[in-house]
C-alpha atoms as a PDB file:
ATOM      1  CA  MET A   1      15.689 -74.154  75.321  1.00  0.00           C
ATOM      2  CA  PRO A   2      17.574 -70.566  76.914  1.00  0.00           C
ATOM      3  CA  THR A   3      15.357 -67.750  77.059  1.00  0.00           C
ATOM      4  CA  LYS A   4      15.744 -63.850  76.295  1.00  0.00           C
ATOM      5  CA  ILE A   5      18.993 -62.796  78.231  1.00  0.00           C
ATOM      6  CA  GLU A   6      17.374 -60.261  80.480  1.00  0.00           C
ATOM      7  CA  LYS A   7      18.539 -58.098  83.873  1.00  0.00           C
ATOM      8  CA  ASP A   8      16.876 -59.452  86.448  1.00  0.00           C
ATOM      9  CA  ALA A   9      15.000 -57.013  88.734  1.00  0.00           C
ATOM     10  CA  VAL A  10      16.100 -57.302  91.680  1.00  0.00           C
ATOM     11  CA  THR A  11      19.478 -57.271  91.222  1.00  0.00           C
ATOM     12  CA  GLY A  12      19.973 -55.772  88.539  1.00  0.00           C
ATOM     13  CA  THR A  13      22.291 -58.401  87.003  1.00  0.00           C
ATOM     14  CA  ASP A  14      22.274 -59.488  83.523  1.00  0.00           C
ATOM     15  CA  THR A  15      20.367 -63.377  83.825  1.00  0.00           C
ATOM     16  CA  THR A  16      22.138 -65.977  81.499  1.00  0.00           C
ATOM     17  CA  GLY A  17      19.048 -67.071  79.290  1.00  0.00           C
ATOM     18  CA  HIS A  18      18.459 -70.096  81.815  1.00  0.00           C
ATOM     19  CA  GLU A  19      15.505 -70.956  83.365  1.00  0.00           C
ATOM     20  CA  TRP A  20      13.897 -73.584  85.526  1.00  0.00           C
ATOM     21  CA  ASP A  21      11.330 -74.213  86.981  1.00  0.00           C
ATOM     22  CA  GLY A  22      10.981 -69.939  87.202  1.00  0.00           C
ATOM     23  CA  ILE A  23      14.167 -69.975  89.099  1.00  0.00           C
ATOM     24  CA  LYS A  24      16.274 -67.438  86.250  1.00  0.00           C
ATOM     25  CA  GLU A  25      20.253 -67.968  86.647  1.00  0.00           C
ATOM     26  CA  LEU A  26      22.023 -64.819  87.387  1.00  0.00           C
ATOM     27  CA  ASN A  27      25.970 -64.122  85.241  1.00  0.00           C
ATOM     28  CA  THR A  28      27.573 -63.301  87.642  1.00  0.00           C
ATOM     29  CA  PRO A  29      30.825 -62.517  87.044  1.00  0.00           C
ATOM     30  CA  LEU A  30      33.889 -63.831  88.856  1.00  0.00           C
ATOM     31  CA  PRO A  31      35.710 -61.845  90.916  1.00  0.00           C
ATOM     32  CA  LYS A  32      38.797 -60.028  88.987  1.00  0.00           C
ATOM     33  CA  TRP A  33      41.227 -61.497  91.281  1.00  0.00           C
ATOM     34  CA  TRP A  34      40.364 -65.390  90.659  1.00  0.00           C
ATOM     35  CA  LEU A  35      40.759 -64.468  86.974  1.00  0.00           C
ATOM     36  CA  TYR A  36      44.050 -63.278  88.102  1.00  0.00           C
ATOM     37  CA  ILE A  37      44.857 -66.043  89.530  1.00  0.00           C
ATOM     38  CA  LEU A  38      43.987 -68.438  86.844  1.00  0.00           C
ATOM     39  CA  TYR A  39      46.018 -66.531  83.988  1.00  0.00           C
ATOM     40  CA  ALA A  40      48.576 -66.104  86.083  1.00  0.00           C
ATOM     41  CA  THR A  41      48.989 -70.210  86.698  1.00  0.00           C
ATOM     42  CA  VAL A  42      47.811 -70.635  83.174  1.00  0.00           C
ATOM     43  CA  ILE A  43      51.303 -68.518  81.988  1.00  0.00           C
ATOM     44  CA  TRP A  44      52.967 -70.177  84.441  1.00  0.00           C
ATOM     45  CA  GLY A  45      52.076 -73.888  83.380  1.00  0.00           C
ATOM     46  CA  VAL A  46      53.694 -72.773  79.688  1.00  0.00           C
ATOM     47  CA  GLY A  47      56.733 -71.334  81.011  1.00  0.00           C
ATOM     48  CA  TYR A  48      57.290 -74.352  82.864  1.00  0.00           C
ATOM     49  CA  MET A  49      56.343 -76.785  80.140  1.00  0.00           C
ATOM     50  CA  ILE A  50      59.036 -74.718  78.156  1.00  0.00           C
ATOM     51  CA  ALA A  51      61.866 -74.526  80.896  1.00  0.00           C
ATOM     52  CA  TYR A  52      61.682 -78.021  81.988  1.00  0.00           C
ATOM     53  CA  PRO A  53      61.062 -81.893  80.378  1.00  0.00           C
ATOM     54  CA  ALA A  54      57.443 -82.261  79.557  1.00  0.00           C
ATOM     55  CA  TRP A  55      56.245 -82.915  76.337  1.00  0.00           C
ATOM     56  CA  PRO A  56      56.081 -86.405  75.416  1.00  0.00           C
ATOM     57  CA  GLY A  57      57.329 -87.923  72.006  1.00  0.00           C
ATOM     58  CA  LEU A  58      57.535 -90.952  70.198  1.00  0.00           C
ATOM     59  CA  ARG A  59      60.660 -91.983  72.010  1.00  0.00           C
ATOM     60  CA  SER A  60      61.979 -89.577  74.370  1.00  0.00           C
ATOM     61  CA  HIS A  61      60.700 -85.978  75.739  1.00  0.00           C
ATOM     62  CA  THR A  62      61.573 -82.884  75.779  1.00  0.00           C
ATOM     63  CA  ASP A  63      64.557 -80.955  77.350  1.00  0.00           C
ATOM     64  CA  GLY A  64      63.157 -78.358  78.723  1.00  0.00           C
ATOM     65  CA  LEU A  65      65.095 -74.674  78.054  1.00  0.00           C
ATOM     66  CA  LEU A  66      67.260 -75.430  81.476  1.00  0.00           C
ATOM     67  CA  GLY A  67      68.257 -78.605  80.734  1.00  0.00           C
ATOM     68  CA  TYR A  68      67.360 -79.612  83.965  1.00  0.00           C
ATOM     69  CA  ASN A  69      66.065 -83.272  84.647  1.00  0.00           C
ATOM     70  CA  SER A  70      65.747 -84.673  88.696  1.00  0.00           C
ATOM     71  CA  ARG A  71      66.517 -88.161  87.624  1.00  0.00           C
ATOM     72  CA  ALA A  72      69.943 -86.913  85.904  1.00  0.00           C
ATOM     73  CA  ASP A  73      70.474 -84.771  89.399  1.00  0.00           C
ATOM     74  CA  LEU A  74      69.192 -87.860  91.659  1.00  0.00           C
ATOM     75  CA  ALA A  75      71.883 -89.780  89.650  1.00  0.00           C
ATOM     76  CA  GLU A  76      74.576 -86.817  89.771  1.00  0.00           C
ATOM     77  CA  THR A  77      73.552 -87.206  93.725  1.00  0.00           C
ATOM     78  CA  MET A  78      74.452 -90.658  94.379  1.00  0.00           C
ATOM     79  CA  ALA A  79      77.662 -91.173  92.429  1.00  0.00           C
ATOM     80  CA  MET A  80      78.440 -87.782  94.906  1.00  0.00           C
ATOM     81  CA  HIS A  81      77.884 -90.381  97.499  1.00  0.00           C
ATOM     82  CA  GLU A  82      79.349 -93.607  95.706  1.00  0.00           C
ATOM     83  CA  LYS A  83      83.024 -91.956  95.857  1.00  0.00           C
ATOM     84  CA  ARG A  84      82.376 -90.928  98.858  1.00  0.00           C
ATOM     85  CA  ARG A  85      81.839 -94.182 100.920  1.00  0.00           C
ATOM     86  CA  ALA A  86      84.392 -95.926  98.087  1.00  0.00           C
ATOM     87  CA  PRO A  87      87.384 -95.790  99.908  1.00  0.00           C
ATOM     88  CA  ARG A  88      85.914 -98.018 103.115  1.00  0.00           C
ATOM     89  CA  LEU A  89      84.384 -99.869 100.591  1.00  0.00           C
ATOM     90  CA  ASP A  90      87.273-100.367  99.054  1.00  0.00           C
ATOM     91  CA  ARG A  91      89.280-102.087 102.807  1.00  0.00           C
ATOM     92  CA  ILE A  92      86.047-103.223 103.507  1.00  0.00           C
ATOM     93  CA  ARG A  93      86.945-105.796 100.360  1.00  0.00           C
ATOM     94  CA  ALA A  94      90.187-106.291 101.739  1.00  0.00           C
ATOM     95  CA  ALA A  95      89.668-106.432 105.213  1.00  0.00           C
ATOM     96  CA  SER A  96      88.835-110.289 106.627  1.00  0.00           C
ATOM     97  CA  LEU A  97      85.982-110.051 109.090  1.00  0.00           C
ATOM     98  CA  GLU A  98      87.791-110.351 112.142  1.00  0.00           C
ATOM     99  CA  ASP A  99      90.022-107.636 110.689  1.00  0.00           C
ATOM    100  CA  ILE A 100      86.414-105.669 110.585  1.00  0.00           C
ATOM    101  CA  ARG A 101      85.365-106.482 113.380  1.00  0.00           C
ATOM    102  CA  GLY A 102      88.955-105.161 115.192  1.00  0.00           C
ATOM    103  CA  ASN A 103      89.090-102.060 113.415  1.00  0.00           C
ATOM    104  CA  ALA A 104      86.359 -99.146 115.091  1.00  0.00           C
ATOM    105  CA  ASP A 105      85.826 -97.208 112.149  1.00  0.00           C
ATOM    106  CA  LEU A 106      85.302-100.009 109.336  1.00  0.00           C
ATOM    107  CA  LEU A 107      83.301-101.770 112.291  1.00  0.00           C
ATOM    108  CA  ARG A 108      80.342 -98.869 112.345  1.00  0.00           C
ATOM    109  CA  PHE A 109      80.616 -97.763 108.891  1.00  0.00           C
ATOM    110  CA  ALA A 110      79.891-101.997 108.124  1.00  0.00           C
ATOM    111  CA  ILE A 111      77.398-102.405 110.845  1.00  0.00           C
ATOM    112  CA  ALA A 112      75.520 -99.249 109.074  1.00  0.00           C
ATOM    113  CA  GLY A 113      75.597-100.052 106.108  1.00  0.00           C
ATOM    114  CA  GLY A 114      74.907-103.685 107.336  1.00  0.00           C
ATOM    115  CA  ARG A 115      71.692-102.610 108.634  1.00  0.00           C
ATOM    116  CA  VAL A 116      70.117-100.812 105.745  1.00  0.00           C
ATOM    117  CA  ALA A 117      70.877-103.882 103.800  1.00  0.00           C
ATOM    118  CA  PHE A 118      69.976-106.089 105.879  1.00  0.00           C
ATOM    119  CA  ALA A 119      66.047-103.635 105.322  1.00  0.00           C
ATOM    120  CA  GLU A 120      66.346-104.204 102.047  1.00  0.00           C
ATOM    121  CA  ASN A 121      66.405-107.741 101.890  1.00  0.00           C
ATOM    122  CA  CYS A 122      66.964-109.582 105.147  1.00  0.00           C
ATOM    123  CA  ALA A 123      63.692-107.892 106.896  1.00  0.00           C
ATOM    124  CA  GLY A 124      61.248-109.287 105.432  1.00  0.00           C
ATOM    125  CA  CYS A 125      61.302-113.107 106.410  1.00  0.00           C
ATOM    126  CA  HIS A 126      63.663-112.291 108.859  1.00  0.00           C
ATOM    127  CA  GLY A 127      61.188-109.165 110.681  1.00  0.00           C
ATOM    128  CA  ALA A 128      62.754-105.817 111.367  1.00  0.00           C
ATOM    129  CA  GLY A 129      66.011-105.592 113.518  1.00  0.00           C
ATOM    130  CA  GLY A 130      65.676-109.994 113.154  1.00  0.00           C
ATOM    131  CA  ALA A 131      63.433-110.412 115.318  1.00  0.00           C
ATOM    132  CA  GLY A 132      62.396-113.650 113.099  1.00  0.00           C
ATOM    133  CA  ALA A 133      59.009-114.844 113.274  1.00  0.00           C
ATOM    134  CA  LYS A 134      57.183-118.526 112.801  1.00  0.00           C
ATOM    135  CA  GLY A 135      59.251-120.565 110.292  1.00  0.00           C
ATOM    136  CA  PHE A 136      61.517-117.658 110.244  1.00  0.00           C
ATOM    137  CA  PRO A 137      64.690-118.012 112.529  1.00  0.00           C
ATOM    138  CA  ASN A 138      65.190-114.746 115.572  1.00  0.00           C
ATOM    139  CA  LEU A 139      68.786-113.413 114.527  1.00  0.00           C
ATOM    140  CA  ALA A 140      69.185-111.365 117.541  1.00  0.00           C
ATOM    141  CA  ASP A 141      69.270-115.030 120.185  1.00  0.00           C
ATOM    142  CA  ASP A 142      72.920-117.020 120.544  1.00  0.00           C
ATOM    143  CA  ASP A 143      70.505-119.884 118.663  1.00  0.00           C
ATOM    144  CA  TRP A 144      71.427-121.208 116.251  1.00  0.00           C
ATOM    145  CA  LEU A 145      71.212-123.686 113.440  1.00  0.00           C
ATOM    146  CA  TRP A 146      73.955-123.679 111.344  1.00  0.00           C
ATOM    147  CA  GLY A 147      76.764-121.789 114.379  1.00  0.00           C
ATOM    148  CA  GLY A 148      77.110-117.779 114.870  1.00  0.00           C
ATOM    149  CA  THR A 149      80.443-117.013 114.587  1.00  0.00           C
ATOM    150  CA  LEU A 150      81.674-114.120 111.715  1.00  0.00           C
ATOM    151  CA  ALA A 151      82.072-117.571 108.431  1.00  0.00           C
ATOM    152  CA  GLU A 152      79.105-119.325 109.769  1.00  0.00           C
ATOM    153  CA  ILE A 153      77.025-116.134 109.578  1.00  0.00           C
ATOM    154  CA  GLN A 154      79.598-115.251 106.190  1.00  0.00           C
ATOM    155  CA  ALA A 155      78.375-118.885 104.470  1.00  0.00           C
ATOM    156  CA  THR A 156      74.732-118.691 105.275  1.00  0.00           C
ATOM    157  CA  ILE A 157      74.503-115.221 103.533  1.00  0.00           C
ATOM    158  CA  GLN A 158      76.337-116.159 100.805  1.00  0.00           C
ATOM    159  CA  HIS A 159      75.226-119.906  99.491  1.00  0.00           C
ATOM    160  CA  GLY A 160      72.038-120.054 101.550  1.00  0.00           C
ATOM    161  CA  VAL A 161      69.897-122.892 102.777  1.00  0.00           C
ATOM    162  CA  ARG A 162      68.571-125.917 100.461  1.00  0.00           C
ATOM    163  CA  THR A 163      69.371-123.979  97.691  1.00  0.00           C
ATOM    164  CA  GLY A 164      70.598-126.534  95.117  1.00  0.00           C
ATOM    165  CA  ASP A 165      74.461-124.512  95.981  1.00  0.00           C
ATOM    166  CA  ASP A 166      76.945-127.667  96.706  1.00  0.00           C
ATOM    167  CA  LYS A 167      77.599-124.901  99.618  1.00  0.00           C
ATOM    168  CA  ALA A 168      74.609-124.143 100.507  1.00  0.00           C
ATOM    169  CA  ARG A 169      73.206-125.781 104.383  1.00  0.00           C
ATOM    170  CA  ALA A 170      71.459-128.834 103.200  1.00  0.00           C
ATOM    171  CA  SER A 171      69.675-131.412 105.752  1.00  0.00           C
ATOM    172  CA  GLN A 172      67.072-132.983 105.899  1.00  0.00           C
ATOM    173  CA  MET A 173      64.719-134.209 108.512  1.00  0.00           C
ATOM    174  CA  PRO A 174      62.730-137.726 107.967  1.00  0.00           C
ATOM    175  CA  ARG A 175      58.726-137.686 107.753  1.00  0.00           C
ATOM    176  CA  PHE A 176      58.007-140.160 110.731  1.00  0.00           C
ATOM    177  CA  GLY A 177      54.605-139.411 109.526  1.00  0.00           C
ATOM    178  CA  ALA A 178      54.081-138.762 106.110  1.00  0.00           C
ATOM    179  CA  ASP A 179      56.018-141.840 105.013  1.00  0.00           C
ATOM    180  CA  GLY A 180      55.072-144.322 108.021  1.00  0.00           C
ATOM    181  CA  LEU A 181      57.743-144.977 108.968  1.00  0.00           C
ATOM    182  CA  LEU A 182      56.506-144.659 112.763  1.00  0.00           C
ATOM    183  CA  LYS A 183      53.014-145.256 113.304  1.00  0.00           C
ATOM    184  CA  PRO A 184      50.946-142.390 115.413  1.00  0.00           C
ATOM    185  CA  GLY A 185      50.780-143.523 118.548  1.00  0.00           C
ATOM    186  CA  GLU A 186      54.905-143.508 118.625  1.00  0.00           C
ATOM    187  CA  ILE A 187      54.379-139.692 117.315  1.00  0.00           C
ATOM    188  CA  ALA A 188      52.424-138.673 120.203  1.00  0.00           C
ATOM    189  CA  ASP A 189      55.444-140.565 123.120  1.00  0.00           C
ATOM    190  CA  LEU A 190      58.242-138.450 120.839  1.00  0.00           C
ATOM    191  CA  ALA A 191      56.380-134.877 121.100  1.00  0.00           C
ATOM    192  CA  GLU A 192      55.669-135.791 125.404  1.00  0.00           C
ATOM    193  CA  TYR A 193      59.502-137.382 125.432  1.00  0.00           C
ATOM    194  CA  VAL A 194      60.312-133.842 123.365  1.00  0.00           C
ATOM    195  CA  LEU A 195      58.366-131.719 125.725  1.00  0.00           C
ATOM    196  CA  ALA A 196      59.844-133.533 128.690  1.00  0.00           C
ATOM    197  CA  LEU A 197      63.845-132.231 126.644  1.00  0.00           C
ATOM    198  CA  SER A 198      62.502-128.589 126.570  1.00  0.00           C
ATOM    199  CA  GLY A 199      61.431-128.783 130.668  1.00  0.00           C
ATOM    200  CA  GLN A 200      56.816-128.689 129.547  1.00  0.00           C
ATOM    201  CA  ALA A 201      54.544-129.584 131.298  1.00  0.00           C
ATOM    202  CA  HIS A 202      54.125-133.505 129.699  1.00  0.00           C
ATOM    203  CA  ASP A 203      53.290-137.127 129.604  1.00  0.00           C
ATOM    204  CA  ALA A 204      55.608-138.755 132.163  1.00  0.00           C
ATOM    205  CA  ASP A 205      55.139-142.672 130.789  1.00  0.00           C
ATOM    206  CA  ALA A 206      54.755-141.462 127.317  1.00  0.00           C
ATOM    207  CA  ALA A 207      58.491-140.026 127.741  1.00  0.00           C
ATOM    208  CA  LYS A 208      59.608-143.374 129.326  1.00  0.00           C
ATOM    209  CA  ARG A 209      58.653-145.295 126.210  1.00  0.00           C
ATOM    210  CA  ALA A 210      59.818-142.979 124.105  1.00  0.00           C
ATOM    211  CA  GLN A 211      62.795-142.701 125.139  1.00  0.00           C
ATOM    212  CA  GLY A 212      64.711-145.778 122.702  1.00  0.00           C
ATOM    213  CA  GLY A 213      62.826-143.936 119.882  1.00  0.00           C
ATOM    214  CA  TYR A 214      64.196-141.358 120.170  1.00  0.00           C
ATOM    215  CA  ALA A 215      67.552-142.729 120.828  1.00  0.00           C
ATOM    216  CA  ASP A 216      66.764-144.468 118.008  1.00  0.00           C
ATOM    217  CA  GLN A 217      65.398-142.666 115.639  1.00  0.00           C
ATOM    218  CA  CYS A 218      66.671-138.205 116.458  1.00  0.00           C
ATOM    219  CA  ALA A 219      69.576-139.320 119.095  1.00  0.00           C
ATOM    220  CA  SER A 220      72.166-139.069 116.314  1.00  0.00           C
ATOM    221  CA  CYS A 221      71.456-135.423 115.390  1.00  0.00           C
ATOM    222  CA  HIS A 222      70.061-133.839 118.026  1.00  0.00           C
ATOM    223  CA  GLY A 223      72.364-135.539 120.166  1.00  0.00           C
ATOM    224  CA  ASP A 224      71.239-137.379 123.637  1.00  0.00           C
ATOM    225  CA  LYS A 225      70.259-134.846 125.743  1.00  0.00           C
ATOM    226  CA  GLY A 226      68.406-132.736 122.533  1.00  0.00           C
ATOM    227  CA  GLN A 227      71.615-130.377 122.584  1.00  0.00           C
ATOM    228  CA  GLY A 228      71.453-129.323 118.281  1.00  0.00           C
ATOM    229  CA  ASN A 229      73.891-129.956 116.384  1.00  0.00           C
ATOM    230  CA  ARG A 230      75.132-126.918 114.449  1.00  0.00           C
ATOM    231  CA  GLU A 231      77.257-129.219 111.734  1.00  0.00           C
ATOM    232  CA  VAL A 232      73.671-130.811 110.291  1.00  0.00           C
ATOM    233  CA  GLY A 233      71.684-128.108 110.961  1.00  0.00           C
ATOM    234  CA  ALA A 234      69.727-129.232 113.860  1.00  0.00           C
ATOM    235  CA  PRO A 235      68.093-128.050 116.192  1.00  0.00           C
ATOM    236  CA  ARG A 236      68.638-127.371 120.040  1.00  0.00           C
ATOM    237  CA  LEU A 237      65.282-129.496 121.662  1.00  0.00           C
ATOM    238  CA  ASP A 238      66.642-128.520 125.512  1.00  0.00           C
ATOM    239  CA  ASP A 239      65.739-125.215 124.708  1.00  0.00           C
ATOM    240  CA  ARG A 240      62.283-123.056 124.344  1.00  0.00           C
ATOM    241  CA  ILE A 241      63.743-121.537 121.093  1.00  0.00           C
ATOM    242  CA  TRP A 242      61.084-122.882 118.731  1.00  0.00           C
ATOM    243  CA  LEU A 243      61.265-122.528 114.906  1.00  0.00           C
ATOM    244  CA  TYR A 244      57.778-123.482 113.717  1.00  0.00           C
ATOM    245  CA  GLY A 245      56.018-123.601 117.560  1.00  0.00           C
ATOM    246  CA  GLY A 246      56.985-126.022 120.609  1.00  0.00           C
ATOM    247  CA  ASP A 247      53.345-127.300 121.479  1.00  0.00           C
ATOM    248  CA  ARG A 248      52.392-130.738 121.888  1.00  0.00           C
ATOM    249  CA  ALA A 249      50.438-130.409 118.717  1.00  0.00           C
ATOM    250  CA  ALA A 250      53.248-128.405 116.521  1.00  0.00           C
ATOM    251  CA  ILE A 251      55.596-130.671 118.021  1.00  0.00           C
ATOM    252  CA  ALA A 252      54.175-134.042 117.040  1.00  0.00           C
ATOM    253  CA  ARG A 253      53.641-132.418 113.747  1.00  0.00           C
ATOM    254  CA  SER A 254      56.901-131.863 113.048  1.00  0.00           C
ATOM    255  CA  ILE A 255      57.994-135.485 114.005  1.00  0.00           C
ATOM    256  CA  ALA A 256      55.370-136.528 111.693  1.00  0.00           C
ATOM    257  CA  GLU A 257      56.159-133.224 108.506  1.00  0.00           C
ATOM    258  CA  ALA A 258      59.242-132.501 108.846  1.00  0.00           C
ATOM    259  CA  ARG A 259      59.568-129.470 108.366  1.00  0.00           C
ATOM    260  CA  GLY A 260      62.105-126.966 106.562  1.00  0.00           C
ATOM    261  CA  GLY A 261      62.313-123.934 104.580  1.00  0.00           C
ATOM    262  CA  VAL A 262      64.527-122.423 102.186  1.00  0.00           C
ATOM    263  CA  MET A 263      66.837-119.299 102.286  1.00  0.00           C
ATOM    264  CA  PRO A 264      68.452-117.675  98.979  1.00  0.00           C
ATOM    265  CA  GLY A 265      71.386-117.439  98.634  1.00  0.00           C
ATOM    266  CA  TRP A 266      72.679-113.598  98.072  1.00  0.00           C
ATOM    267  CA  THR A 267      76.021-114.659  96.113  1.00  0.00           C
ATOM    268  CA  GLU A 268      74.868-113.050  93.024  1.00  0.00           C
ATOM    269  CA  ARG A 269      72.683-110.844  94.731  1.00  0.00           C
ATOM    270  CA  LEU A 270      74.921-108.725  96.357  1.00  0.00           C
ATOM    271  CA  ASP A 271      78.229-107.561  95.668  1.00  0.00           C
ATOM    272  CA  ALA A 272      81.646-108.080  98.168  1.00  0.00           C
ATOM    273  CA  ALA A 273      80.843-105.381 100.687  1.00  0.00           C
ATOM    274  CA  THR A 274      77.698-105.549 101.214  1.00  0.00           C
ATOM    275  CA  LEU A 275      77.827-109.588 102.327  1.00  0.00           C
ATOM    276  CA  LYS A 276      80.587-109.055 104.570  1.00  0.00           C
ATOM    277  CA  MET A 277      78.921-105.830 105.954  1.00  0.00           C
ATOM    278  CA  LEU A 278      75.898-108.289 106.453  1.00  0.00           C
ATOM    279  CA  ALA A 279      77.480-110.455 108.183  1.00  0.00           C
ATOM    280  CA  VAL A 280      79.464-107.757 110.496  1.00  0.00           C
ATOM    281  CA  TYR A 281      75.632-106.598 110.986  1.00  0.00           C
ATOM    282  CA  VAL A 282      73.770-109.816 111.342  1.00  0.00           C
ATOM    283  CA  HIS A 283      76.758-111.459 113.920  1.00  0.00           C
ATOM    284  CA  ALA A 284      76.378-107.955 116.047  1.00  0.00           C
ATOM    285  CA  LEU A 285      72.767-109.067 116.291  1.00  0.00           C
ATOM    286  CA  GLY A 286      73.000-111.684 117.539  1.00  0.00           C
ATOM    287  CA  GLY A 287      75.784-111.867 119.648  1.00  0.00           C
ATOM    288  CA  GLY A 288      78.064-114.319 117.513  1.00  0.00           C
ATOM    289  CA  LEU A 289      78.037-117.384 119.280  1.00  0.00           C
END
């Protein structure tokens, strides 16, 4: 319970009437400058709520005397930028990919727009700058599963890979192990043969044993020398660029289980101009071979 309010004998300040273990609480007033700042911020807060949108209602909010709205401001700014971009976007829509590549002004605009669209929609899988990752193709080299011309890149972006779209890129490698098409020993030998194709250390005897099996089972898609086939999306096996890893274990697993990713088609999600800018940007990343 509060004790009697009295003056402190040492400081001469009134106490609050509270005491704990013989210690009395002084009723020291706050500095006037601090109080003035507090009062000013309260007045500022009230004025702000009157001037700007602040109080929520059942369906909307107060508009404020100034009628300012940051969302409306953003919408106005975006509309201004869209108006400035519209002439070039119209030219992008009307031009062919080759015409865009041949026009320095359109090319700069397309690459800048494609870079932004890539960062928003593609970098999550293919990495910043198209560097790729395990299971996601590197777009910054000259190794292409489905071809790297402007038209081929655009087709891949528009329709995707294994999406069910009639025009989507689609291929299916047999699961030689999972479906019992080859025995474990045969798969191991084939892995050695693929290591040999790419110039890696390998078991020569095992690779020799797999030569006939490769010709029977793999060459029709991957080529007799592992050169690949872009028409069916069969990767090259004679280089050291690997989508799922190129060591002995990774190669054996790919033979046994067959691995293939899915890329969405972007026709329904992006407008025609953005699709073209993306194609031009990706083409610029990888050299377009």
